[in-house]
Amino acid sequence: MQAKQQVKPIKSLNVIENLGEDVKREKLITLQEHDPILAKFMKEAEQKQNTGRAEVYLKMKDEILYIYFKKFEGREIS
């Protein structure tokens, strides 16, 4: 008999209730830079050369942190 695997509970994502009506690029960069949780991900994205082979990877592009997800059939979303 195989033992059942424990499913880890999904942690909820903390988000700002309202970013405002119009979030411009500069404001997004500032919000990301001042977010202590994103700091480690931004550092990781800057240090690694992501080739897109992983299912999920981080990438800094024009000072903005992007998270890429590979979907079925190799399609990619960010």
N, C-alpha and C. Protein backbone atom coordinates (compact mmCIF):
# COMPACT_ATOMS: atom_id res chain seq x y z
N MET A 1 0.83 -1.20 0.00
CA MET A 1 0.00 0.00 0.00
C MET A 1 0.87 1.25 0.00
N GLN A 2 0.48 2.20 -0.76
CA GLN A 2 1.21 3.45 -0.79
C GLN A 2 0.63 4.40 0.25
N ALA A 3 1.53 5.10 0.91
CA ALA A 3 1.08 6.09 1.89
C ALA A 3 0.59 7.33 1.16
N LYS A 4 -0.44 7.93 1.68
CA LYS A 4 -0.94 9.17 1.09
C LYS A 4 0.04 10.30 1.37
N GLN A 5 0.28 11.12 0.36
CA GLN A 5 1.17 12.26 0.54
C GLN A 5 0.41 13.40 1.21
N GLN A 6 1.11 14.06 2.10
CA GLN A 6 0.52 15.22 2.77
C GLN A 6 0.51 16.40 1.79
N VAL A 7 -0.61 17.02 1.66
CA VAL A 7 -0.73 18.19 0.80
C VAL A 7 -0.50 19.42 1.66
N LYS A 8 0.48 20.21 1.26
CA LYS A 8 0.76 21.43 2.02
C LYS A 8 -0.33 22.45 1.74
N PRO A 9 -0.78 23.16 2.77
CA PRO A 9 -1.78 24.20 2.54
C PRO A 9 -1.17 25.35 1.75
N ILE A 10 -1.96 25.93 0.91
CA ILE A 10 -1.50 27.06 0.09
C ILE A 10 -1.51 28.31 0.95
N LYS A 11 -0.37 29.00 0.95
CA LYS A 11 -0.29 30.26 1.70
C LYS A 11 -1.00 31.35 0.92
N SER A 12 -1.72 32.18 1.63
CA SER A 12 -2.42 33.27 0.97
C SER A 12 -1.42 34.35 0.56
N LEU A 13 -1.72 35.02 -0.51
CA LEU A 13 -0.88 36.08 -1.04
C LEU A 13 -1.31 37.40 -0.42
N ASN A 14 -0.35 38.12 0.14
CA ASN A 14 -0.65 39.43 0.70
C ASN A 14 -0.55 40.47 -0.41
N VAL A 15 -1.63 41.17 -0.64
CA VAL A 15 -1.64 42.20 -1.68
C VAL A 15 -2.20 43.49 -1.11
N ILE A 16 -1.85 44.56 -1.75
CA ILE A 16 -2.41 45.85 -1.38
C ILE A 16 -3.86 45.88 -1.86
N GLU A 17 -4.74 46.34 -1.03
CA GLU A 17 -6.16 46.36 -1.37
C GLU A 17 -6.42 47.14 -2.66
N ASN A 18 -5.78 48.29 -2.79
CA ASN A 18 -6.04 49.12 -3.96
C ASN A 18 -4.76 49.87 -4.32
N LEU A 19 -4.26 49.65 -5.51
CA LEU A 19 -3.06 50.36 -5.97
C LEU A 19 -3.38 51.75 -6.49
N GLY A 20 -4.62 52.01 -6.69
CA GLY A 20 -5.02 53.29 -7.26
C GLY A 20 -5.57 53.05 -8.66
N GLU A 21 -6.10 54.08 -9.22
CA GLU A 21 -6.72 53.94 -10.53
C GLU A 21 -5.69 53.76 -11.64
N ASP A 22 -4.56 54.45 -11.52
CA ASP A 22 -3.59 54.44 -12.60
C ASP A 22 -2.19 54.19 -12.02
N VAL A 23 -1.71 52.98 -12.16
CA VAL A 23 -0.37 52.65 -11.66
C VAL A 23 0.59 52.73 -12.84
N LYS A 24 1.42 53.72 -12.78
CA LYS A 24 2.39 53.91 -13.84
C LYS A 24 3.63 53.08 -13.55
N ARG A 25 4.46 52.91 -14.55
CA ARG A 25 5.67 52.11 -14.46
C ARG A 25 6.54 52.52 -13.27
N GLU A 26 6.74 53.81 -13.08
CA GLU A 26 7.58 54.31 -12.00
C GLU A 26 7.04 53.91 -10.63
N LYS A 27 5.71 53.96 -10.47
CA LYS A 27 5.11 53.60 -9.19
C LYS A 27 5.27 52.10 -8.94
N LEU A 28 5.11 51.28 -9.99
CA LEU A 28 5.28 49.84 -9.85
C LEU A 28 6.71 49.51 -9.43
N ILE A 29 7.68 50.16 -10.04
CA ILE A 29 9.09 49.94 -9.68
C ILE A 29 9.32 50.31 -8.23
N THR A 30 8.80 51.44 -7.80
CA THR A 30 8.96 51.89 -6.42
C THR A 30 8.30 50.91 -5.45
N LEU A 31 7.09 50.46 -5.76
CA LEU A 31 6.40 49.50 -4.90
C LEU A 31 7.18 48.20 -4.78
N GLN A 32 7.71 47.71 -5.90
CA GLN A 32 8.50 46.48 -5.86
C GLN A 32 9.78 46.67 -5.06
N GLU A 33 10.46 47.79 -5.26
CA GLU A 33 11.73 48.04 -4.56
C GLU A 33 11.55 48.15 -3.05
N HIS A 34 10.41 48.64 -2.60
CA HIS A 34 10.18 48.84 -1.17
C HIS A 34 9.47 47.67 -0.50
N ASP A 35 9.19 46.63 -1.24
CA ASP A 35 8.53 45.45 -0.69
C ASP A 35 9.59 44.49 -0.15
N PRO A 36 9.65 44.29 1.18
CA PRO A 36 10.70 43.44 1.76
C PRO A 36 10.60 41.98 1.31
N ILE A 37 9.42 41.51 1.00
CA ILE A 37 9.26 40.13 0.56
C ILE A 37 9.81 39.95 -0.86
N LEU A 38 9.58 40.94 -1.71
CA LEU A 38 10.08 40.84 -3.08
C LEU A 38 11.58 41.04 -3.19
N ALA A 39 12.19 41.65 -2.18
CA ALA A 39 13.63 41.95 -2.23
C ALA A 39 14.47 40.71 -2.51
N LYS A 40 14.17 39.60 -1.84
CA LYS A 40 14.96 38.38 -2.06
C LYS A 40 14.73 37.82 -3.46
N PHE A 41 13.52 37.94 -3.97
CA PHE A 41 13.24 37.45 -5.31
C PHE A 41 13.91 38.32 -6.38
N MET A 42 13.94 39.62 -6.14
CA MET A 42 14.60 40.53 -7.07
C MET A 42 16.10 40.24 -7.12
N LYS A 43 16.68 40.00 -5.96
CA LYS A 43 18.10 39.69 -5.88
C LYS A 43 18.39 38.37 -6.61
N GLU A 44 17.54 37.39 -6.38
CA GLU A 44 17.70 36.09 -7.03
C GLU A 44 17.59 36.22 -8.56
N ALA A 45 16.63 37.01 -9.01
CA ALA A 45 16.42 37.19 -10.45
C ALA A 45 17.61 37.89 -11.09
N GLU A 46 18.23 38.83 -10.39
CA GLU A 46 19.38 39.54 -10.92
C GLU A 46 20.62 38.66 -10.98
N GLN A 47 20.74 37.71 -10.05
CA GLN A 47 21.93 36.87 -9.97
C GLN A 47 21.88 35.68 -10.92
N LYS A 48 20.71 35.16 -11.19
CA LYS A 48 20.58 33.95 -12.00
C LYS A 48 20.36 34.32 -13.46
N GLN A 49 20.90 33.49 -14.31
CA GLN A 49 20.62 33.59 -15.73
C GLN A 49 19.52 32.58 -16.05
N ASN A 50 18.29 33.03 -16.05
CA ASN A 50 17.16 32.13 -16.28
C ASN A 50 17.02 31.87 -17.77
N THR A 51 17.05 30.62 -18.11
CA THR A 51 16.97 30.23 -19.51
C THR A 51 15.55 29.88 -19.91
N GLY A 52 14.65 29.86 -18.96
CA GLY A 52 13.28 29.51 -19.27
C GLY A 52 13.01 28.02 -19.28
N ARG A 53 13.98 27.23 -18.81
CA ARG A 53 13.80 25.77 -18.78
C ARG A 53 12.96 25.32 -17.59
N ALA A 54 12.95 26.08 -16.52
CA ALA A 54 12.20 25.72 -15.32
C ALA A 54 10.71 25.98 -15.54
N GLU A 55 9.90 25.34 -14.71
CA GLU A 55 8.45 25.55 -14.80
C GLU A 55 8.06 26.97 -14.36
N VAL A 56 8.78 27.48 -13.36
CA VAL A 56 8.55 28.84 -12.87
C VAL A 56 9.91 29.50 -12.71
N TYR A 57 10.07 30.71 -13.23
CA TYR A 57 11.32 31.40 -13.03
C TYR A 57 11.10 32.91 -12.96
N LEU A 58 12.06 33.59 -12.38
CA LEU A 58 12.00 35.04 -12.17
C LEU A 58 12.94 35.73 -13.14
N LYS A 59 12.57 36.94 -13.53
CA LYS A 59 13.41 37.69 -14.44
C LYS A 59 13.22 39.18 -14.19
N MET A 60 14.33 39.91 -14.12
CA MET A 60 14.26 41.36 -14.04
C MET A 60 14.35 41.91 -15.45
N LYS A 61 13.43 42.78 -15.80
CA LYS A 61 13.43 43.39 -17.12
C LYS A 61 13.06 44.85 -16.97
N ASP A 62 13.97 45.71 -17.34
CA ASP A 62 13.74 47.15 -17.24
C ASP A 62 13.30 47.57 -15.84
N GLU A 63 13.99 47.02 -14.83
CA GLU A 63 13.78 47.34 -13.42
C GLU A 63 12.49 46.79 -12.81
N ILE A 64 11.78 45.95 -13.54
CA ILE A 64 10.54 45.36 -13.03
C ILE A 64 10.73 43.85 -12.90
N LEU A 65 10.27 43.29 -11.78
CA LEU A 65 10.36 41.86 -11.54
C LEU A 65 9.18 41.16 -12.21
N TYR A 66 9.50 40.17 -13.03
CA TYR A 66 8.49 39.35 -13.70
C TYR A 66 8.62 37.92 -13.21
N ILE A 67 7.50 37.25 -13.07
CA ILE A 67 7.47 35.84 -12.75
C ILE A 67 6.85 35.14 -13.95
N TYR A 68 7.58 34.18 -14.50
CA TYR A 68 7.12 33.46 -15.67
C TYR A 68 6.69 32.05 -15.27
N PHE A 69 5.62 31.60 -15.87
CA PHE A 69 5.10 30.26 -15.64
C PHE A 69 4.99 29.56 -16.98
N LYS A 70 5.48 28.34 -17.04
CA LYS A 70 5.30 27.55 -18.26
C LYS A 70 3.98 26.82 -18.15
N LYS A 71 3.19 26.96 -19.15
CA LYS A 71 1.91 26.26 -19.21
C LYS A 71 2.08 25.03 -20.10
N PHE A 72 1.02 24.30 -20.26
CA PHE A 72 1.08 23.12 -21.12
C PHE A 72 1.47 23.51 -22.54
N GLU A 73 2.00 22.57 -23.25
CA GLU A 73 2.45 22.74 -24.62
C GLU A 73 3.56 23.79 -24.73
N GLY A 74 4.27 24.04 -23.63
CA GLY A 74 5.41 24.94 -23.66
C GLY A 74 5.08 26.42 -23.75
N ARG A 75 3.81 26.77 -23.72
CA ARG A 75 3.46 28.19 -23.75
C ARG A 75 3.85 28.84 -22.45
N GLU A 76 4.16 30.11 -22.49
CA GLU A 76 4.66 30.82 -21.33
C GLU A 76 3.77 31.99 -21.01
N ILE A 77 3.53 32.22 -19.72
CA ILE A 77 2.76 33.38 -19.29
C ILE A 77 3.55 34.13 -18.23
N SER A 78 3.31 35.42 -18.11
CA SER A 78 3.98 36.20 -17.08
C SER A 78 2.98 37.10 -16.40
